[in-house]
Amino acid sequence: MSDLANKKCVPCEGNIPPFNVDEIHKYLKKVDGWQVLEDKIDGFHLIKNFKFDNFLQSQEFVNKVGEVAELEGHHPDLWFGWGYAKIKIYTHAIKGLAESDFILAAKIDQISNA
């Protein structure tokens, strides 16, 4: 879909502003099927639901996401159960979105398409 999956997440210590709406929409075109939502606690964040045939497939997917997240040093919120997984990505330190959030989303898309 884009070259984002080939990039590396950059740790954020809060020293950058979060993406504005224009930047978010520009990057959203580079990932597959992610939604942008906003709330008062986390600001803007990416969220995506994944469907599977059973619990084991959901668990295996979440484990692979966890491995990528640990390698990237960027950790999403994960929910999963029988036949589903839900992932929420944002940069906690800036309470919003940055390029690394979209990089992680692109890497997760590679897992789900494998």
PDB file of N, CA and C in Angstrom:
ATOM      1  N   MET A   1       0.825  -1.198   0.000  1.00  0.00           N
ATOM      2  CA  MET A   1       0.000   0.000   0.000  1.00  0.00           C
ATOM      3  C   MET A   1       0.866   1.258   0.000  1.00  0.00           C
ATOM      4  N   SER A   2       1.882   1.297   0.839  1.00  0.00           N
ATOM      5  CA  SER A   2       2.775   2.455   0.882  1.00  0.00           C
ATOM      6  C   SER A   2       4.129   2.015   1.413  1.00  0.00           C
ATOM      7  N   ASP A   3       5.058   2.940   1.416  1.00  0.00           N
ATOM      8  CA  ASP A   3       6.388   2.625   1.933  1.00  0.00           C
ATOM      9  C   ASP A   3       6.465   2.771   3.449  1.00  0.00           C
ATOM     10  N   LEU A   4       5.362   3.098   4.087  1.00  0.00           N
ATOM     11  CA  LEU A   4       5.373   3.269   5.545  1.00  0.00           C
ATOM     12  C   LEU A   4       5.849   2.013   6.269  1.00  0.00           C
ATOM     13  N   ALA A   5       5.465   0.853   5.773  1.00  0.00           N
ATOM     14  CA  ALA A   5       5.821  -0.400   6.442  1.00  0.00           C
ATOM     15  C   ALA A   5       7.328  -0.642   6.435  1.00  0.00           C
ATOM     16  N   ASN A   6       8.052   0.036   5.559  1.00  0.00           N
ATOM     17  CA  ASN A   6       9.508  -0.113   5.500  1.00  0.00           C
ATOM     18  C   ASN A   6      10.240   0.845   6.428  1.00  0.00           C
ATOM     19  N   LYS A   7       9.509   1.757   7.041  1.00  0.00           N
ATOM     20  CA  LYS A   7      10.125   2.724   7.952  1.00  0.00           C
ATOM     21  C   LYS A   7      10.160   2.162   9.368  1.00  0.00           C
ATOM     22  N   LYS A   8      10.880   2.828  10.228  1.00  0.00           N
ATOM     23  CA  LYS A   8      11.009   2.435  11.638  1.00  0.00           C
ATOM     24  C   LYS A   8      10.286   3.465  12.504  1.00  0.00           C
ATOM     25  N   CYS A   9       9.552   2.998  13.501  1.00  0.00           N
ATOM     26  CA  CYS A   9       8.912   3.909  14.449  1.00  0.00           C
ATOM     27  C   CYS A   9       9.983   4.663  15.227  1.00  0.00           C
ATOM     28  N   VAL A  10       9.700   5.923  15.501  1.00  0.00           N
ATOM     29  CA  VAL A  10      10.619   6.763  16.252  1.00  0.00           C
ATOM     30  C   VAL A  10       9.999   7.033  17.617  1.00  0.00           C
ATOM     31  N   PRO A  11      10.711   6.716  18.700  1.00  0.00           N
ATOM     32  CA  PRO A  11      10.156   6.974  20.029  1.00  0.00           C
ATOM     33  C   PRO A  11       9.830   8.455  20.212  1.00  0.00           C
ATOM     34  N   CYS A  12       8.712   8.721  20.829  1.00  0.00           N
ATOM     35  CA  CYS A  12       8.279  10.098  21.057  1.00  0.00           C
ATOM     36  C   CYS A  12       8.269  10.382  22.549  1.00  0.00           C
ATOM     37  N   GLU A  13       8.919  11.448  22.929  1.00  0.00           N
ATOM     38  CA  GLU A  13       8.958  11.848  24.335  1.00  0.00           C
ATOM     39  C   GLU A  13       8.104  13.092  24.578  1.00  0.00           C
ATOM     40  N   GLY A  14       7.258  13.423  23.614  1.00  0.00           N
ATOM     41  CA  GLY A  14       6.362  14.549  23.786  1.00  0.00           C
ATOM     42  C   GLY A  14       6.917  15.864  23.265  1.00  0.00           C
ATOM     43  N   ASN A  15       7.999  15.798  22.529  1.00  0.00           N
ATOM     44  CA  ASN A  15       8.644  17.019  22.067  1.00  0.00           C
ATOM     45  C   ASN A  15       8.204  17.444  20.667  1.00  0.00           C
ATOM     46  N   ILE A  16       7.121  16.861  20.165  1.00  0.00           N
ATOM     47  CA  ILE A  16       6.575  17.231  18.862  1.00  0.00           C
ATOM     48  C   ILE A  16       5.072  17.457  18.998  1.00  0.00           C
ATOM     49  N   PRO A  17       4.498  18.282  18.125  1.00  0.00           N
ATOM     50  CA  PRO A  17       3.034  18.437  18.163  1.00  0.00           C
ATOM     51  C   PRO A  17       2.371  17.250  17.472  1.00  0.00           C
ATOM     52  N   PRO A  18       1.162  16.903  17.878  1.00  0.00           N
ATOM     53  CA  PRO A  18       0.440  15.851  17.153  1.00  0.00           C
ATOM     54  C   PRO A  18       0.046  16.347  15.770  1.00  0.00           C
ATOM     55  N   PHE A  19      -0.189  15.393  14.867  1.00  0.00           N
ATOM     56  CA  PHE A  19      -0.645  15.734  13.525  1.00  0.00           C
ATOM     57  C   PHE A  19      -1.946  16.533  13.601  1.00  0.00           C
ATOM     58  N   ASN A  20      -2.091  17.485  12.680  1.00  0.00           N
ATOM     59  CA  ASN A  20      -3.373  18.168  12.539  1.00  0.00           C
ATOM     60  C   ASN A  20      -4.256  17.340  11.602  1.00  0.00           C
ATOM     61  N   VAL A  21      -5.475  17.777  11.400  1.00  0.00           N
ATOM     62  CA  VAL A  21      -6.438  16.996  10.610  1.00  0.00           C
ATOM     63  C   VAL A  21      -5.947  16.791   9.175  1.00  0.00           C
ATOM     64  N   ASP A  22      -5.328  17.799   8.575  1.00  0.00           N
ATOM     65  CA  ASP A  22      -4.825  17.652   7.207  1.00  0.00           C
ATOM     66  C   ASP A  22      -3.742  16.579   7.123  1.00  0.00           C
ATOM     67  N   GLU A  23      -2.814  16.586   8.072  1.00  0.00           N
ATOM     68  CA  GLU A  23      -1.756  15.572   8.084  1.00  0.00           C
ATOM     69  C   GLU A  23      -2.337  14.178   8.307  1.00  0.00           C
ATOM     70  N   ILE A  24      -3.307  14.089   9.195  1.00  0.00           N
ATOM     71  CA  ILE A  24      -3.956  12.794   9.462  1.00  0.00           C
ATOM     72  C   ILE A  24      -4.570  12.238   8.186  1.00  0.00           C
ATOM     73  N   HIS A  25      -5.310  13.067   7.456  1.00  0.00           N
ATOM     74  CA  HIS A  25      -5.967  12.586   6.232  1.00  0.00           C
ATOM     75  C   HIS A  25      -4.953  12.209   5.157  1.00  0.00           C
ATOM     76  N   LYS A  26      -3.832  12.924   5.098  1.00  0.00           N
ATOM     77  CA  LYS A  26      -2.781  12.584   4.136  1.00  0.00           C
ATOM     78  C   LYS A  26      -2.224  11.192   4.423  1.00  0.00           C
ATOM     79  N   TYR A  27      -1.947  10.904   5.696  1.00  0.00           N
ATOM     80  CA  TYR A  27      -1.380   9.608   6.073  1.00  0.00           C
ATOM     81  C   TYR A  27      -2.423   8.496   6.062  1.00  0.00           C
ATOM     82  N   LEU A  28      -3.666   8.825   6.337  1.00  0.00           N
ATOM     83  CA  LEU A  28      -4.723   7.808   6.360  1.00  0.00           C
ATOM     84  C   LEU A  28      -4.873   7.134   4.998  1.00  0.00           C
ATOM     85  N   LYS A  29      -4.551   7.857   3.938  1.00  0.00           N
ATOM     86  CA  LYS A  29      -4.612   7.290   2.586  1.00  0.00           C
ATOM     87  C   LYS A  29      -3.529   6.236   2.352  1.00  0.00           C
ATOM     88  N   LYS A  30      -2.536   6.196   3.231  1.00  0.00           N
ATOM     89  CA  LYS A  30      -1.403   5.278   3.072  1.00  0.00           C
ATOM     90  C   LYS A  30      -1.571   3.969   3.833  1.00  0.00           C
ATOM     91  N   VAL A  31      -2.653   3.836   4.598  1.00  0.00           N
ATOM     92  CA  VAL A  31      -2.921   2.601   5.348  1.00  0.00           C
ATOM     93  C   VAL A  31      -4.283   2.060   4.922  1.00  0.00           C
ATOM     94  N   ASP A  32      -4.524   0.794   5.219  1.00  0.00           N
ATOM     95  CA  ASP A  32      -5.694   0.095   4.695  1.00  0.00           C
ATOM     96  C   ASP A  32      -6.789  -0.101   5.742  1.00  0.00           C
ATOM     97  N   GLY A  33      -7.876   0.645   5.609  1.00  0.00           N
ATOM     98  CA  GLY A  33      -9.063   0.374   6.417  1.00  0.00           C
ATOM     99  C   GLY A  33      -9.039   0.872   7.858  1.00  0.00           C
ATOM    100  N   TRP A  34      -8.074   1.691   8.213  1.00  0.00           N
ATOM    101  CA  TRP A  34      -8.021   2.238   9.575  1.00  0.00           C
ATOM    102  C   TRP A  34      -8.956   3.433   9.668  1.00  0.00           C
ATOM    103  N   GLN A  35      -9.588   3.568  10.814  1.00  0.00           N
ATOM    104  CA  GLN A  35     -10.452   4.716  11.084  1.00  0.00           C
ATOM    105  C   GLN A  35      -9.743   5.653  12.043  1.00  0.00           C
ATOM    106  N   VAL A  36     -10.069   6.921  11.947  1.00  0.00           N
ATOM    107  CA  VAL A  36      -9.564   7.902  12.901  1.00  0.00           C
ATOM    108  C   VAL A  36     -10.729   8.322  13.775  1.00  0.00           C
ATOM    109  N   LEU A  37     -10.543   8.182  15.069  1.00  0.00           N
ATOM    110  CA  LEU A  37     -11.538   8.623  16.036  1.00  0.00           C
ATOM    111  C   LEU A  37     -10.872   9.600  16.994  1.00  0.00           C
ATOM    112  N   GLU A  38     -11.682  10.400  17.642  1.00  0.00           N
ATOM    113  CA  GLU A  38     -11.153  11.351  18.614  1.00  0.00           C
ATOM    114  C   GLU A  38     -11.935  11.228  19.911  1.00  0.00           C
ATOM    115  N   ASP A  39     -11.216  11.265  21.019  1.00  0.00           N
ATOM    116  CA  ASP A  39     -11.882  11.348  22.318  1.00  0.00           C
ATOM    117  C   ASP A  39     -11.104  12.305  23.219  1.00  0.00           C
ATOM    118  N   LYS A  40     -11.717  12.669  24.321  1.00  0.00           N
ATOM    119  CA  LYS A  40     -11.122  13.670  25.214  1.00  0.00           C
ATOM    120  C   LYS A  40      -9.898  13.155  25.958  1.00  0.00           C
ATOM    121  N   ILE A  41      -9.757  11.842  26.081  1.00  0.00           N
ATOM    122  CA  ILE A  41      -8.633  11.274  26.823  1.00  0.00           C
ATOM    123  C   ILE A  41      -7.405  11.109  25.937  1.00  0.00           C
ATOM    124  N   ASP A  42      -7.581  10.510  24.747  1.00  0.00           N
ATOM    125  CA  ASP A  42      -6.453  10.161  23.889  1.00  0.00           C
ATOM    126  C   ASP A  42      -6.272  11.088  22.693  1.00  0.00           C
ATOM    127  N   GLY A  43      -7.167  12.011  22.479  1.00  0.00           N
ATOM    128  CA  GLY A  43      -7.114  12.816  21.267  1.00  0.00           C
ATOM    129  C   GLY A  43      -7.435  11.937  20.068  1.00  0.00           C
ATOM    130  N   PHE A  44      -6.824  12.249  18.924  1.00  0.00           N
ATOM    131  CA  PHE A  44      -7.037  11.426  17.731  1.00  0.00           C
ATOM    132  C   PHE A  44      -6.280  10.112  17.870  1.00  0.00           C
ATOM    133  N   HIS A  45      -6.901   9.041  17.411  1.00  0.00           N
ATOM    134  CA  HIS A  45      -6.239   7.741  17.400  1.00  0.00           C
ATOM    135  C   HIS A  45      -6.734   6.924  16.210  1.00  0.00           C
ATOM    136  N   LEU A  46      -5.925   5.943  15.834  1.00  0.00           N
ATOM    137  CA  LEU A  46      -6.280   5.006  14.774  1.00  0.00           C
ATOM    138  C   LEU A  46      -6.915   3.778  15.404  1.00  0.00           C
ATOM    139  N   ILE A  47      -7.921   3.246  14.750  1.00  0.00           N
ATOM    140  CA  ILE A  47      -8.555   2.036  15.262  1.00  0.00           C
ATOM    141  C   ILE A  47      -8.971   1.157  14.075  1.00  0.00           C
ATOM    142  N   LYS A  48      -8.839  -0.151  14.286  1.00  0.00           N
ATOM    143  CA  LYS A  48      -9.237  -1.090  13.233  1.00  0.00           C
ATOM    144  C   LYS A  48      -9.678  -2.402  13.862  1.00  0.00           C
ATOM    145  N   ASN A  49     -10.729  -2.972  13.293  1.00  0.00           N
ATOM    146  CA  ASN A  49     -11.238  -4.277  13.711  1.00  0.00           C
ATOM    147  C   ASN A  49     -10.803  -5.336  12.703  1.00  0.00           C
ATOM    148  N   PHE A  50     -10.408  -6.481  13.211  1.00  0.00           N
ATOM    149  CA  PHE A  50      -9.985  -7.602  12.389  1.00  0.00           C
ATOM    150  C   PHE A  50     -10.873  -8.794  12.719  1.00  0.00           C
ATOM    151  N   LYS A  51     -11.238  -9.572  11.703  1.00  0.00           N
ATOM    152  CA  LYS A  51     -12.084 -10.759  11.885  1.00  0.00           C
ATOM    153  C   LYS A  51     -11.284 -12.016  11.575  1.00  0.00           C
ATOM    154  N   PHE A  52     -11.569 -13.072  12.351  1.00  0.00           N
ATOM    155  CA  PHE A  52     -10.892 -14.361  12.178  1.00  0.00           C
ATOM    156  C   PHE A  52     -11.915 -15.481  12.303  1.00  0.00           C
ATOM    157  N   ASP A  53     -11.500 -16.687  11.972  1.00  0.00           N
ATOM    158  CA  ASP A  53     -12.405 -17.831  11.996  1.00  0.00           C
ATOM    159  C   ASP A  53     -12.565 -18.456  13.372  1.00  0.00           C
ATOM    160  N   ASN A  54     -11.623 -18.171  14.277  1.00  0.00           N
ATOM    161  CA  ASN A  54     -11.699 -18.801  15.592  1.00  0.00           C
ATOM    162  C   ASN A  54     -10.803 -18.058  16.589  1.00  0.00           C
ATOM    163  N   PHE A  55     -10.776 -18.524  17.806  1.00  0.00           N
ATOM    164  CA  PHE A  55      -9.995 -17.887  18.859  1.00  0.00           C
ATOM    165  C   PHE A  55      -8.498 -17.984  18.604  1.00  0.00           C
ATOM    166  N   LEU A  56      -8.044 -19.155  18.179  1.00  0.00           N
ATOM    167  CA  LEU A  56      -6.615 -19.366  17.972  1.00  0.00           C
ATOM    168  C   LEU A  56      -6.040 -18.408  16.923  1.00  0.00           C
ATOM    169  N   GLN A  57      -6.773 -18.204  15.834  1.00  0.00           N
ATOM    170  CA  GLN A  57      -6.302 -17.262  14.810  1.00  0.00           C
ATOM    171  C   GLN A  57      -6.208 -15.840  15.367  1.00  0.00           C
ATOM    172  N   SER A  58      -7.184 -15.453  16.168  1.00  0.00           N
ATOM    173  CA  SER A  58      -7.150 -14.124  16.807  1.00  0.00           C
ATOM    174  C   SER A  58      -5.940 -13.996  17.714  1.00  0.00           C
ATOM    175  N   GLN A  59      -5.702 -15.021  18.505  1.00  0.00           N
ATOM    176  CA  GLN A  59      -4.583 -15.008  19.447  1.00  0.00           C
ATOM    177  C   GLN A  59      -3.244 -14.972  18.703  1.00  0.00           C
ATOM    178  N   GLU A  60      -3.108 -15.757  17.665  1.00  0.00           N
ATOM    179  CA  GLU A  60      -1.864 -15.769  16.888  1.00  0.00           C
ATOM    180  C   GLU A  60      -1.603 -14.399  16.259  1.00  0.00           C
ATOM    181  N   PHE A  61      -2.644 -13.766  15.737  1.00  0.00           N
ATOM    182  CA  PHE A  61      -2.510 -12.434  15.151  1.00  0.00           C
ATOM    183  C   PHE A  61      -2.059 -11.417  16.206  1.00  0.00           C
ATOM    184  N   VAL A  62      -2.715 -11.424  17.347  1.00  0.00           N
ATOM    185  CA  VAL A  62      -2.362 -10.483  18.418  1.00  0.00           C
ATOM    186  C   VAL A  62      -0.930 -10.724  18.899  1.00  0.00           C
ATOM    187  N   ASN A  63      -0.506 -11.977  18.976  1.00  0.00           N
ATOM    188  CA  ASN A  63       0.878 -12.276  19.365  1.00  0.00           C
ATOM    189  C   ASN A  63       1.871 -11.701  18.352  1.00  0.00           C
ATOM    190  N   LYS A  64       1.553 -11.823  17.051  1.00  0.00           N
ATOM    191  CA  LYS A  64       2.428 -11.267  16.017  1.00  0.00           C
ATOM    192  C   LYS A  64       2.455  -9.743  16.091  1.00  0.00           C
ATOM    193  N   VAL A  65       1.317  -9.128  16.347  1.00  0.00           N
ATOM    194  CA  VAL A  65       1.260  -7.671  16.524  1.00  0.00           C
ATOM    195  C   VAL A  65       2.121  -7.265  17.712  1.00  0.00           C
ATOM    196  N   GLY A  66       2.046  -8.034  18.792  1.00  0.00           N
ATOM    197  CA  GLY A  66       2.856  -7.749  19.974  1.00  0.00           C
ATOM    198  C   GLY A  66       4.346  -7.824  19.690  1.00  0.00           C
ATOM    199  N   GLU A  67       4.747  -8.793  18.876  1.00  0.00           N
ATOM    200  CA  GLU A  67       6.164  -8.919  18.511  1.00  0.00           C
ATOM    201  C   GLU A  67       6.635  -7.704  17.708  1.00  0.00           C
ATOM    202  N   VAL A  68       5.832  -7.287  16.740  1.00  0.00           N
ATOM    203  CA  VAL A  68       6.184  -6.118  15.930  1.00  0.00           C
ATOM    204  C   VAL A  68       6.205  -4.863  16.803  1.00  0.00           C
ATOM    205  N   ALA A  69       5.228  -4.727  17.665  1.00  0.00           N
ATOM    206  CA  ALA A  69       5.155  -3.560  18.543  1.00  0.00           C
ATOM    207  C   ALA A  69       6.390  -3.467  19.435  1.00  0.00           C
ATOM    208  N   GLU A  70       6.822  -4.590  19.946  1.00  0.00           N
ATOM    209  CA  GLU A  70       8.010  -4.604  20.812  1.00  0.00           C
ATOM    210  C   GLU A  70       9.266  -4.250  20.009  1.00  0.00           C
ATOM    211  N   LEU A  71       9.384  -4.786  18.806  1.00  0.00           N
ATOM    212  CA  LEU A  71      10.530  -4.450  17.951  1.00  0.00           C
ATOM    213  C   LEU A  71      10.555  -2.965  17.603  1.00  0.00           C
ATOM    214  N   GLU A  72       9.381  -2.391  17.395  1.00  0.00           N
ATOM    215  CA  GLU A  72       9.276  -0.983  17.019  1.00  0.00           C
ATOM    216  C   GLU A  72       9.314  -0.047  18.232  1.00  0.00           C
ATOM    217  N   GLY A  73       9.135  -0.602  19.421  1.00  0.00           N
ATOM    218  CA  GLY A  73       9.091   0.244  20.613  1.00  0.00           C
ATOM    219  C   GLY A  73       7.855   1.134  20.640  1.00  0.00           C
ATOM    220  N   HIS A  74       6.787   0.666  20.016  1.00  0.00           N
ATOM    221  CA  HIS A  74       5.537   1.432  19.922  1.00  0.00           C
ATOM    222  C   HIS A  74       4.392   0.463  20.165  1.00  0.00           C
ATOM    223  N   HIS A  75       3.662   0.655  21.236  1.00  0.00           N
ATOM    224  CA  HIS A  75       2.740  -0.367  21.710  1.00  0.00           C
ATOM    225  C   HIS A  75       1.280   0.076  21.619  1.00  0.00           C
ATOM    226  N   PRO A  76       0.490  -0.626  20.805  1.00  0.00           N
ATOM    227  CA  PRO A  76      -0.928  -0.298  20.668  1.00  0.00           C
ATOM    228  C   PRO A  76      -1.747  -0.900  21.806  1.00  0.00           C
ATOM    229  N   ASP A  77      -2.983  -0.446  21.913  1.00  0.00           N
ATOM    230  CA  ASP A  77      -3.945  -1.089  22.799  1.00  0.00           C
ATOM    231  C   ASP A  77      -4.583  -2.221  21.996  1.00  0.00           C
ATOM    232  N   LEU A  78      -4.698  -3.386  22.608  1.00  0.00           N
ATOM    233  CA  LEU A  78      -5.203  -4.577  21.924  1.00  0.00           C
ATOM    234  C   LEU A  78      -6.372  -5.184  22.696  1.00  0.00           C
ATOM    235  N   TRP A  79      -7.398  -5.583  21.967  1.00  0.00           N
ATOM    236  CA  TRP A  79      -8.502  -6.367  22.508  1.00  0.00           C
ATOM    237  C   TRP A  79      -8.688  -7.536  21.565  1.00  0.00           C
ATOM    238  N   PHE A  80      -8.959  -8.707  22.086  1.00  0.00           N
ATOM    239  CA  PHE A  80      -9.234  -9.833  21.193  1.00  0.00           C
ATOM    240  C   PHE A  80     -10.056 -10.877  21.917  1.00  0.00           C
ATOM    241  N   GLY A  81     -10.700 -11.709  21.121  1.00  0.00           N
ATOM    242  CA  GLY A  81     -11.505 -12.807  21.631  1.00  0.00           C
ATOM    243  C   GLY A  81     -11.803 -13.758  20.492  1.00  0.00           C
ATOM    244  N   TRP A  82     -12.838 -14.548  20.646  1.00  0.00           N
ATOM    245  CA  TRP A  82     -13.165 -15.552  19.642  1.00  0.00           C
ATOM    246  C   TRP A  82     -13.529 -14.858  18.336  1.00  0.00           C
ATOM    247  N   GLY A  83     -12.648 -14.990  17.326  1.00  0.00           N
ATOM    248  CA  GLY A  83     -12.927 -14.500  15.988  1.00  0.00           C
ATOM    249  C   GLY A  83     -12.708 -13.021  15.740  1.00  0.00           C
ATOM    250  N   TYR A  84     -12.111 -12.300  16.691  1.00  0.00           N
ATOM    251  CA  TYR A  84     -11.908 -10.875  16.439  1.00  0.00           C
ATOM    252  C   TYR A  84     -10.673 -10.348  17.158  1.00  0.00           C
ATOM    253  N   ALA A  85     -10.179  -9.245  16.653  1.00  0.00           N
ATOM    254  CA  ALA A  85      -9.153  -8.449  17.332  1.00  0.00           C
ATOM    255  C   ALA A  85      -9.456  -6.995  16.994  1.00  0.00           C
ATOM    256  N   LYS A  86      -9.184  -6.133  17.943  1.00  0.00           N
ATOM    257  CA  LYS A  86      -9.381  -4.701  17.767  1.00  0.00           C
ATOM    258  C   LYS A  86      -8.092  -4.021  18.211  1.00  0.00           C
ATOM    259  N   ILE A  87      -7.615  -3.084  17.415  1.00  0.00           N
ATOM    260  CA  ILE A  87      -6.351  -2.417  17.716  1.00  0.00           C
ATOM    261  C   ILE A  87      -6.557  -0.905  17.698  1.00  0.00           C
ATOM    262  N   LYS A  88      -6.004  -0.259  18.705  1.00  0.00           N
ATOM    263  CA  LYS A  88      -6.041   1.202  18.826  1.00  0.00           C
ATOM    264  C   LYS A  88      -4.602   1.690  18.927  1.00  0.00           C
ATOM    265  N   ILE A  89      -4.253   2.649  18.065  1.00  0.00           N
ATOM    266  CA  ILE A  89      -2.892   3.173  18.026  1.00  0.00           C
ATOM    267  C   ILE A  89      -2.925   4.690  18.187  1.00  0.00           C
ATOM    268  N   TYR A  90      -2.075   5.190  19.051  1.00  0.00           N
ATOM    269  CA  TYR A  90      -1.844   6.627  19.166  1.00  0.00           C
ATOM    270  C   TYR A  90      -0.566   6.834  19.956  1.00  0.00           C
ATOM    271  N   THR A  91      -0.077   8.053  19.930  1.00  0.00           N
ATOM    272  CA  THR A  91       1.144   8.368  20.669  1.00  0.00           C
ATOM    273  C   THR A  91       0.756   8.993  22.000  1.00  0.00           C
ATOM    274  N   HIS A  92       0.935   8.227  23.058  1.00  0.00           N
ATOM    275  CA  HIS A  92       0.521   8.653  24.390  1.00  0.00           C
ATOM    276  C   HIS A  92       1.140   9.989  24.790  1.00  0.00           C
ATOM    277  N   ALA A  93       2.425  10.171  24.490  1.00  0.00           N
ATOM    278  CA  ALA A  93       3.165  11.353  24.958  1.00  0.00           C
ATOM    279  C   ALA A  93       2.632  12.659  24.382  1.00  0.00           C
ATOM    280  N   ILE A  94       1.981  12.594  23.216  1.00  0.00           N
ATOM    281  CA  ILE A  94       1.458  13.823  22.618  1.00  0.00           C
ATOM    282  C   ILE A  94      -0.068  13.823  22.545  1.00  0.00           C
ATOM    283  N   LYS A  95      -0.674  12.756  23.053  1.00  0.00           N
ATOM    284  CA  LYS A  95      -2.132  12.603  23.022  1.00  0.00           C
ATOM    285  C   LYS A  95      -2.684  12.879  21.625  1.00  0.00           C
ATOM    286  N   GLY A  96      -2.134  12.151  20.671  1.00  0.00           N
ATOM    287  CA  GLY A  96      -2.568  12.305  19.298  1.00  0.00           C
ATOM    288  C   GLY A  96      -1.788  11.397  18.379  1.00  0.00           C
ATOM    289  N   LEU A  97      -1.776  11.752  17.110  1.00  0.00           N
ATOM    290  CA  LEU A  97      -1.144  10.914  16.095  1.00  0.00           C
ATOM    291  C   LEU A  97       0.115  11.549  15.531  1.00  0.00           C
ATOM    292  N   ALA A  98       1.075  10.693  15.219  1.00  0.00           N
ATOM    293  CA  ALA A  98       2.325  11.086  14.576  1.00  0.00           C
ATOM    294  C   ALA A  98       2.638  10.037  13.510  1.00  0.00           C
ATOM    295  N   GLU A  99       3.687  10.263  12.739  1.00  0.00           N
ATOM    296  CA  GLU A  99       4.015   9.336  11.663  1.00  0.00           C
ATOM    297  C   GLU A  99       4.196   7.904  12.170  1.00  0.00           C
ATOM    298  N   SER A 100       4.802   7.731  13.323  1.00  0.00           N
ATOM    299  CA  SER A 100       5.041   6.378  13.850  1.00  0.00           C
ATOM    300  C   SER A 100       3.754   5.584  14.028  1.00  0.00           C
ATOM    301  N   ASP A 101       2.652   6.253  14.321  1.00  0.00           N
ATOM    302  CA  ASP A 101       1.374   5.549  14.469  1.00  0.00           C
ATOM    303  C   ASP A 101       0.948   4.933  13.139  1.00  0.00           C
ATOM    304  N   PHE A 102       1.156   5.657  12.062  1.00  0.00           N
ATOM    305  CA  PHE A 102       0.805   5.149  10.745  1.00  0.00           C
ATOM    306  C   PHE A 102       1.801   4.086  10.276  1.00  0.00           C
ATOM    307  N   ILE A 103       3.047   4.223  10.675  1.00  0.00           N
ATOM    308  CA  ILE A 103       4.047   3.190  10.373  1.00  0.00           C
ATOM    309  C   ILE A 103       3.632   1.869  11.018  1.00  0.00           C
ATOM    310  N   LEU A 104       3.256   1.930  12.299  1.00  0.00           N
ATOM    311  CA  LEU A 104       2.828   0.716  12.988  1.00  0.00           C
ATOM    312  C   LEU A 104       1.574   0.140  12.343  1.00  0.00           C
ATOM    313  N   ALA A 105       0.626   0.994  11.972  1.00  0.00           N
ATOM    314  CA  ALA A 105      -0.588   0.516  11.300  1.00  0.00           C
ATOM    315  C   ALA A 105      -0.239  -0.209  10.008  1.00  0.00           C
ATOM    316  N   ALA A 106       0.695   0.332   9.230  1.00  0.00           N
ATOM    317  CA  ALA A 106       1.101  -0.306   7.972  1.00  0.00           C
ATOM    318  C   ALA A 106       1.756  -1.659   8.235  1.00  0.00           C
ATOM    319  N   LYS A 107       2.560  -1.743   9.285  1.00  0.00           N
ATOM    320  CA  LYS A 107       3.203  -3.020   9.630  1.00  0.00           C
ATOM    321  C   LYS A 107       2.162  -4.047  10.082  1.00  0.00           C
ATOM    322  N   ILE A 108       1.149  -3.605  10.807  1.00  0.00           N
ATOM    323  CA  ILE A 108       0.073  -4.500  11.248  1.00  0.00           C
ATOM    324  C   ILE A 108      -0.729  -4.975  10.040  1.00  0.00           C
ATOM    325  N   ASP A 109      -0.943  -4.092   9.078  1.00  0.00           N
ATOM    326  CA  ASP A 109      -1.641  -4.502   7.854  1.00  0.00           C
ATOM    327  C   ASP A 109      -0.869  -5.600   7.135  1.00  0.00           C
ATOM    328  N   GLN A 110       0.445  -5.531   7.131  1.00  0.00           N
ATOM    329  CA  GLN A 110       1.251  -6.588   6.505  1.00  0.00           C
ATOM    330  C   GLN A 110       1.012  -7.924   7.193  1.00  0.00           C
ATOM    331  N   ILE A 111       0.883  -7.927   8.511  1.00  0.00           N
ATOM    332  CA  ILE A 111       0.602  -9.164   9.252  1.00  0.00           C
ATOM    333  C   ILE A 111      -0.747  -9.723   8.849  1.00  0.00           C
ATOM    334  N   SER A 112      -1.757  -8.862   8.789  1.00  0.00           N
ATOM    335  CA  SER A 112      -3.111  -9.344   8.504  1.00  0.00           C
ATOM    336  C   SER A 112      -3.267  -9.801   7.060  1.00  0.00           C
ATOM    337  N   ASN A 113      -2.403  -9.310   6.179  1.00  0.00           N
ATOM    338  CA  ASN A 113      -2.477  -9.713   4.766  1.00  0.00           C
ATOM    339  C   ASN A 113      -1.594 -10.908   4.438  1.00  0.00           C
ATOM    340  N   ALA A 114      -0.818 -11.361   5.413  1.00  0.00           N
ATOM    341  CA  ALA A 114       0.130 -12.466   5.164  1.00  0.00           C
ATOM    342  C   ALA A 114      -0.593 -13.798   5.103  1.00  0.00           C
TER     343      ALA A 114
END
